Amino acid sequence: MWHLRTRLGVFWVVEQRSDTGQIFRLGLDDLELGVYKDAQEAVKDVCEQSTGHLSWDCSSSVRAPKMINDWREGEPAGW
């Protein structure tokens, strides 16, 4: 699991095994936003404000790292 704290909440990416292989789930707080074949694709959507979360996607004052390595690994404190 990786997470990114923002002023709108905590984005998270969780790895999960499925019948078709490995998938990655993207969410913000308790809302799942999408399923991806690669964790970096999920991070790209956050960075490019293409998550489907209106408050994040339409904000002009948010920024997110472009690489999953720049997110924190593990569960956020108080999760």
PDB file of N, CA and C in Angstrom:
ATOM      1  N   MET A   1       0.842  -1.183   0.000  1.00  0.00           N
ATOM      2  CA  MET A   1       0.000   0.000   0.000  1.00  0.00           C
ATOM      3  C   MET A   1       0.883   1.240   0.000  1.00  0.00           C
ATOM      4  N   TRP A   2       0.429   2.247  -0.743  1.00  0.00           N
ATOM      5  CA  TRP A   2       1.071   3.559  -0.753  1.00  0.00           C
ATOM      6  C   TRP A   2      -0.009   4.586  -0.445  1.00  0.00           C
ATOM      7  N   HIS A   3       0.391   5.697   0.139  1.00  0.00           N
ATOM      8  CA  HIS A   3      -0.593   6.744   0.409  1.00  0.00           C
ATOM      9  C   HIS A   3       0.034   8.128   0.260  1.00  0.00           C
ATOM     10  N   LEU A   4      -0.842   9.099   0.040  1.00  0.00           N
ATOM     11  CA  LEU A   4      -0.439  10.488  -0.128  1.00  0.00           C
ATOM     12  C   LEU A   4      -1.442  11.365   0.613  1.00  0.00           C
ATOM     13  N   ARG A   5      -0.970  12.082   1.616  1.00  0.00           N
ATOM     14  CA  ARG A   5      -1.841  13.007   2.354  1.00  0.00           C
ATOM     15  C   ARG A   5      -1.946  14.320   1.581  1.00  0.00           C
ATOM     16  N   THR A   6      -3.172  14.784   1.395  1.00  0.00           N
ATOM     17  CA  THR A   6      -3.426  16.069   0.740  1.00  0.00           C
ATOM     18  C   THR A   6      -4.401  16.850   1.613  1.00  0.00           C
ATOM     19  N   ARG A   7      -4.636  18.102   1.269  1.00  0.00           N
ATOM     20  CA  ARG A   7      -5.588  18.894   2.050  1.00  0.00           C
ATOM     21  C   ARG A   7      -7.025  18.406   1.845  1.00  0.00           C
ATOM     22  N   LEU A   8      -7.268  17.616   0.799  1.00  0.00           N
ATOM     23  CA  LEU A   8      -8.606  17.072   0.553  1.00  0.00           C
ATOM     24  C   LEU A   8      -8.813  15.698   1.174  1.00  0.00           C
ATOM     25  N   GLY A   9      -7.732  15.075   1.635  1.00  0.00           N
ATOM     26  CA  GLY A   9      -7.832  13.742   2.215  1.00  0.00           C
ATOM     27  C   GLY A   9      -6.611  12.907   1.884  1.00  0.00           C
ATOM     28  N   VAL A  10      -6.722  11.616   2.129  1.00  0.00           N
ATOM     29  CA  VAL A  10      -5.609  10.695   1.894  1.00  0.00           C
ATOM     30  C   VAL A  10      -5.912   9.838   0.671  1.00  0.00           C
ATOM     31  N   PHE A  11      -5.096  10.002  -0.365  1.00  0.00           N
ATOM     32  CA  PHE A  11      -5.159   9.094  -1.507  1.00  0.00           C
ATOM     33  C   PHE A  11      -4.425   7.826  -1.133  1.00  0.00           C
ATOM     34  N   TRP A  12      -4.896   6.692  -1.635  1.00  0.00           N
ATOM     35  CA  TRP A  12      -4.228   5.427  -1.380  1.00  0.00           C
ATOM     36  C   TRP A  12      -4.250   4.558  -2.629  1.00  0.00           C
ATOM     37  N   VAL A  13      -3.219   3.726  -2.747  1.00  0.00           N
ATOM     38  CA  VAL A  13      -3.126   2.722  -3.803  1.00  0.00           C
ATOM     39  C   VAL A  13      -2.837   1.398  -3.110  1.00  0.00           C
ATOM     40  N   VAL A  14      -3.699   0.412  -3.359  1.00  0.00           N
ATOM     41  CA  VAL A  14      -3.572  -0.895  -2.728  1.00  0.00           C
ATOM     42  C   VAL A  14      -3.428  -1.959  -3.806  1.00  0.00           C
ATOM     43  N   GLU A  15      -2.443  -2.819  -3.627  1.00  0.00           N
ATOM     44  CA  GLU A  15      -2.224  -3.945  -4.533  1.00  0.00           C
ATOM     45  C   GLU A  15      -3.151  -5.087  -4.136  1.00  0.00           C
ATOM     46  N   GLN A  16      -3.722  -5.756  -5.141  1.00  0.00           N
ATOM     47  CA  GLN A  16      -4.620  -6.871  -4.866  1.00  0.00           C
ATOM     48  C   GLN A  16      -4.462  -7.922  -5.956  1.00  0.00           C
ATOM     49  N   ARG A  17      -4.479  -9.169  -5.552  1.00  0.00           N
ATOM     50  CA  ARG A  17      -4.459 -10.277  -6.511  1.00  0.00           C
ATOM     51  C   ARG A  17      -5.887 -10.533  -6.981  1.00  0.00           C
ATOM     52  N   SER A  18      -6.030 -10.850  -8.261  1.00  0.00           N
ATOM     53  CA  SER A  18      -7.342 -11.195  -8.809  1.00  0.00           C
ATOM     54  C   SER A  18      -7.190 -12.446  -9.667  1.00  0.00           C
ATOM     55  N   ASP A  19      -8.300 -12.941 -10.187  1.00  0.00           N
ATOM     56  CA  ASP A  19      -8.259 -14.122 -11.055  1.00  0.00           C
ATOM     57  C   ASP A  19      -7.450 -13.867 -12.314  1.00  0.00           C
ATOM     58  N   THR A  20      -7.395 -12.633 -12.741  1.00  0.00           N
ATOM     59  CA  THR A  20      -6.679 -12.286 -13.970  1.00  0.00           C
ATOM     60  C   THR A  20      -5.275 -11.756 -13.711  1.00  0.00           C
ATOM     61  N   GLY A  21      -4.836 -11.777 -12.463  1.00  0.00           N
ATOM     62  CA  GLY A  21      -3.492 -11.293 -12.137  1.00  0.00           C
ATOM     63  C   GLY A  21      -3.527 -10.254 -11.045  1.00  0.00           C
ATOM     64  N   GLN A  22      -2.647  -9.305 -11.160  1.00  0.00           N
ATOM     65  CA  GLN A  22      -2.472  -8.278 -10.142  1.00  0.00           C
ATOM     66  C   GLN A  22      -3.190  -6.997 -10.566  1.00  0.00           C
ATOM     67  N   ILE A  23      -3.909  -6.371  -9.623  1.00  0.00           N
ATOM     68  CA  ILE A  23      -4.554  -5.091  -9.889  1.00  0.00           C
ATOM     69  C   ILE A  23      -4.206  -4.123  -8.765  1.00  0.00           C
ATOM     70  N   PHE A  24      -4.439  -2.842  -9.029  1.00  0.00           N
ATOM     71  CA  PHE A  24      -4.178  -1.797  -8.044  1.00  0.00           C
ATOM     72  C   PHE A  24      -5.425  -0.936  -7.928  1.00  0.00           C
ATOM     73  N   ARG A  25      -5.887  -0.744  -6.703  1.00  0.00           N
ATOM     74  CA  ARG A  25      -7.073   0.069  -6.443  1.00  0.00           C
ATOM     75  C   ARG A  25      -6.638   1.441  -5.944  1.00  0.00           C
ATOM     76  N   LEU A  26      -7.240   2.481  -6.520  1.00  0.00           N
ATOM     77  CA  LEU A  26      -6.982   3.859  -6.119  1.00  0.00           C
ATOM     78  C   LEU A  26      -8.189   4.378  -5.360  1.00  0.00           C
ATOM     79  N   GLY A  27      -7.940   5.066  -4.258  1.00  0.00           N
ATOM     80  CA  GLY A  27      -9.037   5.658  -3.509  1.00  0.00           C
ATOM     81  C   GLY A  27      -8.627   6.941  -2.818  1.00  0.00           C
ATOM     82  N   LEU A  28      -9.627   7.629  -2.305  1.00  0.00           N
ATOM     83  CA  LEU A  28      -9.427   8.838  -1.507  1.00  0.00           C
ATOM     84  C   LEU A  28     -10.270   8.674  -0.255  1.00  0.00           C
ATOM     85  N   ASP A  29      -9.611   8.624   0.895  1.00  0.00           N
ATOM     86  CA  ASP A  29     -10.275   8.344   2.172  1.00  0.00           C
ATOM     87  C   ASP A  29     -11.055   7.033   2.052  1.00  0.00           C
ATOM     88  N   ASP A  30     -12.378   7.055   2.200  1.00  0.00           N
ATOM     89  CA  ASP A  30     -13.140   5.804   2.151  1.00  0.00           C
ATOM     90  C   ASP A  30     -13.838   5.583   0.809  1.00  0.00           C
ATOM     91  N   LEU A  31     -13.425   6.310  -0.216  1.00  0.00           N
ATOM     92  CA  LEU A  31     -14.042   6.224  -1.539  1.00  0.00           C
ATOM     93  C   LEU A  31     -13.077   5.599  -2.538  1.00  0.00           C
ATOM     94  N   GLU A  32     -13.473   4.493  -3.159  1.00  0.00           N
ATOM     95  CA  GLU A  32     -12.644   3.908  -4.214  1.00  0.00           C
ATOM     96  C   GLU A  32     -12.880   4.673  -5.510  1.00  0.00           C
ATOM     97  N   LEU A  33     -11.787   5.026  -6.188  1.00  0.00           N
ATOM     98  CA  LEU A  33     -11.877   5.847  -7.399  1.00  0.00           C
ATOM     99  C   LEU A  33     -11.621   5.075  -8.685  1.00  0.00           C
ATOM    100  N   GLY A  34     -10.891   3.961  -8.614  1.00  0.00           N
ATOM    101  CA  GLY A  34     -10.608   3.228  -9.836  1.00  0.00           C
ATOM    102  C   GLY A  34      -9.748   2.008  -9.605  1.00  0.00           C
ATOM    103  N   VAL A  35      -9.679   1.176 -10.643  1.00  0.00           N
ATOM    104  CA  VAL A  35      -8.873  -0.040 -10.631  1.00  0.00           C
ATOM    105  C   VAL A  35      -7.921   0.029 -11.818  1.00  0.00           C
ATOM    106  N   TYR A  36      -6.658  -0.309 -11.581  1.00  0.00           N
ATOM    107  CA  TYR A  36      -5.604  -0.155 -12.578  1.00  0.00           C
ATOM    108  C   TYR A  36      -4.765  -1.424 -12.679  1.00  0.00           C
ATOM    109  N   LYS A  37      -4.118  -1.604 -13.818  1.00  0.00           N
ATOM    110  CA  LYS A  37      -3.195  -2.727 -14.012  1.00  0.00           C
ATOM    111  C   LYS A  37      -1.825  -2.427 -13.435  1.00  0.00           C
ATOM    112  N   ASP A  38      -1.547  -1.143 -13.185  1.00  0.00           N
ATOM    113  CA  ASP A  38      -0.229  -0.716 -12.718  1.00  0.00           C
ATOM    114  C   ASP A  38      -0.407   0.416 -11.708  1.00  0.00           C
ATOM    115  N   ALA A  39       0.343   0.378 -10.627  1.00  0.00           N
ATOM    116  CA  ALA A  39       0.244   1.417  -9.596  1.00  0.00           C
ATOM    117  C   ALA A  39       0.600   2.785 -10.152  1.00  0.00           C
ATOM    118  N   GLN A  40       1.564   2.831 -11.057  1.00  0.00           N
ATOM    119  CA  GLN A  40       1.996   4.108 -11.615  1.00  0.00           C
ATOM    120  C   GLN A  40       0.880   4.775 -12.424  1.00  0.00           C
ATOM    121  N   GLU A  41       0.013   3.971 -13.059  1.00  0.00           N
ATOM    122  CA  GLU A  41      -1.128   4.534 -13.791  1.00  0.00           C
ATOM    123  C   GLU A  41      -2.073   5.267 -12.835  1.00  0.00           C
ATOM    124  N   ALA A  42      -2.279   4.695 -11.654  1.00  0.00           N
ATOM    125  CA  ALA A  42      -3.132   5.334 -10.647  1.00  0.00           C
ATOM    126  C   ALA A  42      -2.523   6.655 -10.193  1.00  0.00           C
ATOM    127  N   VAL A  43      -1.230   6.652  -9.937  1.00  0.00           N
ATOM    128  CA  VAL A  43      -0.528   7.864  -9.509  1.00  0.00           C
ATOM    129  C   VAL A  43      -0.587   8.926 -10.605  1.00  0.00           C
ATOM    130  N   LYS A  44      -0.480   8.503 -11.839  1.00  0.00           N
ATOM    131  CA  LYS A  44      -0.562   9.440 -12.963  1.00  0.00           C
ATOM    132  C   LYS A  44      -1.920  10.148 -12.976  1.00  0.00           C
ATOM    133  N   ASP A  45      -2.997   9.402 -12.739  1.00  0.00           N
ATOM    134  CA  ASP A  45      -4.325  10.021 -12.707  1.00  0.00           C
ATOM    135  C   ASP A  45      -4.447  11.037 -11.575  1.00  0.00           C
ATOM    136  N   VAL A  46      -3.847  10.741 -10.424  1.00  0.00           N
ATOM    137  CA  VAL A  46      -3.867  11.702  -9.317  1.00  0.00           C
ATOM    138  C   VAL A  46      -3.083  12.949  -9.712  1.00  0.00           C
ATOM    139  N   CYS A  47      -1.885  12.753 -10.235  1.00  0.00           N
ATOM    140  CA  CYS A  47      -1.016  13.865 -10.624  1.00  0.00           C
ATOM    141  C   CYS A  47      -1.655  14.738 -11.706  1.00  0.00           C
ATOM    142  N   GLU A  48      -2.312  14.103 -12.671  1.00  0.00           N
ATOM    143  CA  GLU A  48      -2.927  14.826 -13.785  1.00  0.00           C
ATOM    144  C   GLU A  48      -4.365  15.259 -13.481  1.00  0.00           C
ATOM    145  N   GLN A  49      -4.809  15.028 -12.249  1.00  0.00           N
ATOM    146  CA  GLN A  49      -6.154  15.402 -11.818  1.00  0.00           C
ATOM    147  C   GLN A  49      -7.219  14.794 -12.733  1.00  0.00           C
ATOM    148  N   SER A  50      -7.093  13.476 -12.926  1.00  0.00           N
ATOM    149  CA  SER A  50      -8.035  12.706 -13.746  1.00  0.00           C
ATOM    150  C   SER A  50      -8.582  11.528 -12.952  1.00  0.00           C
ATOM    151  N   THR A  51      -8.929  11.759 -11.691  1.00  0.00           N
ATOM    152  CA  THR A  51      -9.332  10.672 -10.799  1.00  0.00           C
ATOM    153  C   THR A  51     -10.824  10.372 -10.828  1.00  0.00           C
ATOM    154  N   GLY A  52     -11.617  11.329 -11.281  1.00  0.00           N
ATOM    155  CA  GLY A  52     -13.059  11.196 -11.178  1.00  0.00           C
ATOM    156  C   GLY A  52     -13.607  11.810  -9.895  1.00  0.00           C
ATOM    157  N   HIS A  53     -12.723  12.304  -9.040  1.00  0.00           N
ATOM    158  CA  HIS A  53     -13.139  12.997  -7.809  1.00  0.00           C
ATOM    159  C   HIS A  53     -13.171  14.490  -8.134  1.00  0.00           C
ATOM    160  N   LEU A  54     -14.362  15.044  -8.233  1.00  0.00           N
ATOM    161  CA  LEU A  54     -14.562  16.402  -8.736  1.00  0.00           C
ATOM    162  C   LEU A  54     -13.764  17.459  -7.980  1.00  0.00           C
ATOM    163  N   SER A  55     -13.760  17.394  -6.659  1.00  0.00           N
ATOM    164  CA  SER A  55     -13.045  18.414  -5.873  1.00  0.00           C
ATOM    165  C   SER A  55     -11.553  18.416  -6.183  1.00  0.00           C
ATOM    166  N   TRP A  56     -10.960  17.236  -6.343  1.00  0.00           N
ATOM    167  CA  TRP A  56      -9.532  17.137  -6.662  1.00  0.00           C
ATOM    168  C   TRP A  56      -9.290  17.547  -8.111  1.00  0.00           C
ATOM    169  N   ASP A  57     -10.056  16.954  -9.013  1.00  0.00           N
ATOM    170  CA  ASP A  57      -9.809  17.145 -10.442  1.00  0.00           C
ATOM    171  C   ASP A  57      -9.995  18.594 -10.895  1.00  0.00           C
ATOM    172  N   CYS A  58     -10.870  19.340 -10.243  1.00  0.00           N
ATOM    173  CA  CYS A  58     -11.155  20.720 -10.654  1.00  0.00           C
ATOM    174  C   CYS A  58     -10.392  21.771  -9.857  1.00  0.00           C
ATOM    175  N   SER A  59      -9.618  21.354  -8.882  1.00  0.00           N
ATOM    176  CA  SER A  59      -8.888  22.311  -8.054  1.00  0.00           C
ATOM    177  C   SER A  59      -7.658  22.832  -8.792  1.00  0.00           C
ATOM    178  N   SER A  60      -7.432  24.127  -8.686  1.00  0.00           N
ATOM    179  CA  SER A  60      -6.260  24.720  -9.341  1.00  0.00           C
ATOM    180  C   SER A  60      -5.075  24.833  -8.391  1.00  0.00           C
ATOM    181  N   SER A  61      -5.273  24.438  -7.135  1.00  0.00           N
ATOM    182  CA  SER A  61      -4.203  24.648  -6.154  1.00  0.00           C
ATOM    183  C   SER A  61      -3.671  23.350  -5.548  1.00  0.00           C
ATOM    184  N   VAL A  62      -3.855  22.231  -6.240  1.00  0.00           N
ATOM    185  CA  VAL A  62      -3.349  20.960  -5.712  1.00  0.00           C
ATOM    186  C   VAL A  62      -2.181  20.462  -6.555  1.00  0.00           C
ATOM    187  N   ARG A  63      -1.315  19.714  -5.894  1.00  0.00           N
ATOM    188  CA  ARG A  63      -0.178  19.107  -6.582  1.00  0.00           C
ATOM    189  C   ARG A  63       0.040  17.726  -5.989  1.00  0.00           C
ATOM    190  N   ALA A  64       0.530  16.822  -6.814  1.00  0.00           N
ATOM    191  CA  ALA A  64       0.850  15.471  -6.346  1.00  0.00           C
ATOM    192  C   ALA A  64       2.114  15.003  -7.047  1.00  0.00           C
ATOM    193  N   PRO A  65       2.928  14.213  -6.361  1.00  0.00           N
ATOM    194  CA  PRO A  65       4.136  13.666  -6.984  1.00  0.00           C
ATOM    195  C   PRO A  65       3.792  12.807  -8.198  1.00  0.00           C
ATOM    196  N   LYS A  66       4.677  12.805  -9.162  1.00  0.00           N
ATOM    197  CA  LYS A  66       4.457  12.053 -10.395  1.00  0.00           C
ATOM    198  C   LYS A  66       4.815  10.578 -10.281  1.00  0.00           C
ATOM    199  N   MET A  67       5.601  10.221  -9.282  1.00  0.00           N
ATOM    200  CA  MET A  67       6.092   8.847  -9.173  1.00  0.00           C
ATOM    201  C   MET A  67       5.601   8.190  -7.884  1.00  0.00           C
ATOM    202  N   ILE A  68       5.250   6.909  -7.974  1.00  0.00           N
ATOM    203  CA  ILE A  68       4.795   6.158  -6.800  1.00  0.00           C
ATOM    204  C   ILE A  68       5.872   6.122  -5.723  1.00  0.00           C
ATOM    205  N   ASN A  69       7.131   6.175  -6.110  1.00  0.00           N
ATOM    206  CA  ASN A  69       8.230   6.162  -5.135  1.00  0.00           C
ATOM    207  C   ASN A  69       8.220   7.395  -4.237  1.00  0.00           C
ATOM    208  N   ASP A  70       7.539   8.463  -4.660  1.00  0.00           N
ATOM    209  CA  ASP A  70       7.455   9.688  -3.872  1.00  0.00           C
ATOM    210  C   ASP A  70       6.250   9.700  -2.928  1.00  0.00           C
ATOM    211  N   TRP A  71       5.412   8.671  -3.000  1.00  0.00           N
ATOM    212  CA  TRP A  71       4.321   8.492  -2.045  1.00  0.00           C
ATOM    213  C   TRP A  71       4.874   7.714  -0.855  1.00  0.00           C
ATOM    214  N   ARG A  72       4.201   7.767   0.277  1.00  0.00           N
ATOM    215  CA  ARG A  72       4.631   6.998   1.452  1.00  0.00           C
ATOM    216  C   ARG A  72       4.149   5.558   1.317  1.00  0.00           C
ATOM    217  N   GLU A  73       5.030   4.638   1.650  1.00  0.00           N
ATOM    218  CA  GLU A  73       4.665   3.226   1.612  1.00  0.00           C
ATOM    219  C   GLU A  73       4.088   2.814   2.965  1.00  0.00           C
ATOM    220  N   GLY A  74       3.060   1.976   2.940  1.00  0.00           N
ATOM    221  CA  GLY A  74       2.423   1.501   4.160  1.00  0.00           C
ATOM    222  C   GLY A  74       1.138   2.256   4.454  1.00  0.00           C
ATOM    223  N   GLU A  75       0.482   1.842   5.517  1.00  0.00           N
ATOM    224  CA  GLU A  75      -0.776   2.476   5.918  1.00  0.00           C
ATOM    225  C   GLU A  75      -0.515   3.818   6.587  1.00  0.00           C
ATOM    226  N   PRO A  76      -1.371   4.802   6.338  1.00  0.00           N
ATOM    227  CA  PRO A  76      -1.217   6.084   7.031  1.00  0.00           C
ATOM    228  C   PRO A  76      -1.551   5.940   8.512  1.00  0.00           C
ATOM    229  N   ALA A  77      -0.960   6.776   9.328  1.00  0.00           N
ATOM    230  CA  ALA A  77      -1.244   6.771  10.765  1.00  0.00           C
ATOM    231  C   ALA A  77      -2.727   7.046  10.986  1.00  0.00           C
ATOM    232  N   GLY A  78      -3.324   6.306  11.893  1.00  0.00           N
ATOM    233  CA  GLY A  78      -4.730   6.500  12.191  1.00  0.00           C
ATOM    234  C   GLY A  78      -5.675   5.932  11.158  1.00  0.00           C
ATOM    235  N   TRP A  79      -5.193   5.062  10.317  1.00  0.00           N
ATOM    236  CA  TRP A  79      -5.993   4.502   9.220  1.00  0.00           C
ATOM    237  C   TRP A  79      -7.083   3.615   9.727  1.00  0.00           C
TER     238      TRP A  79
END
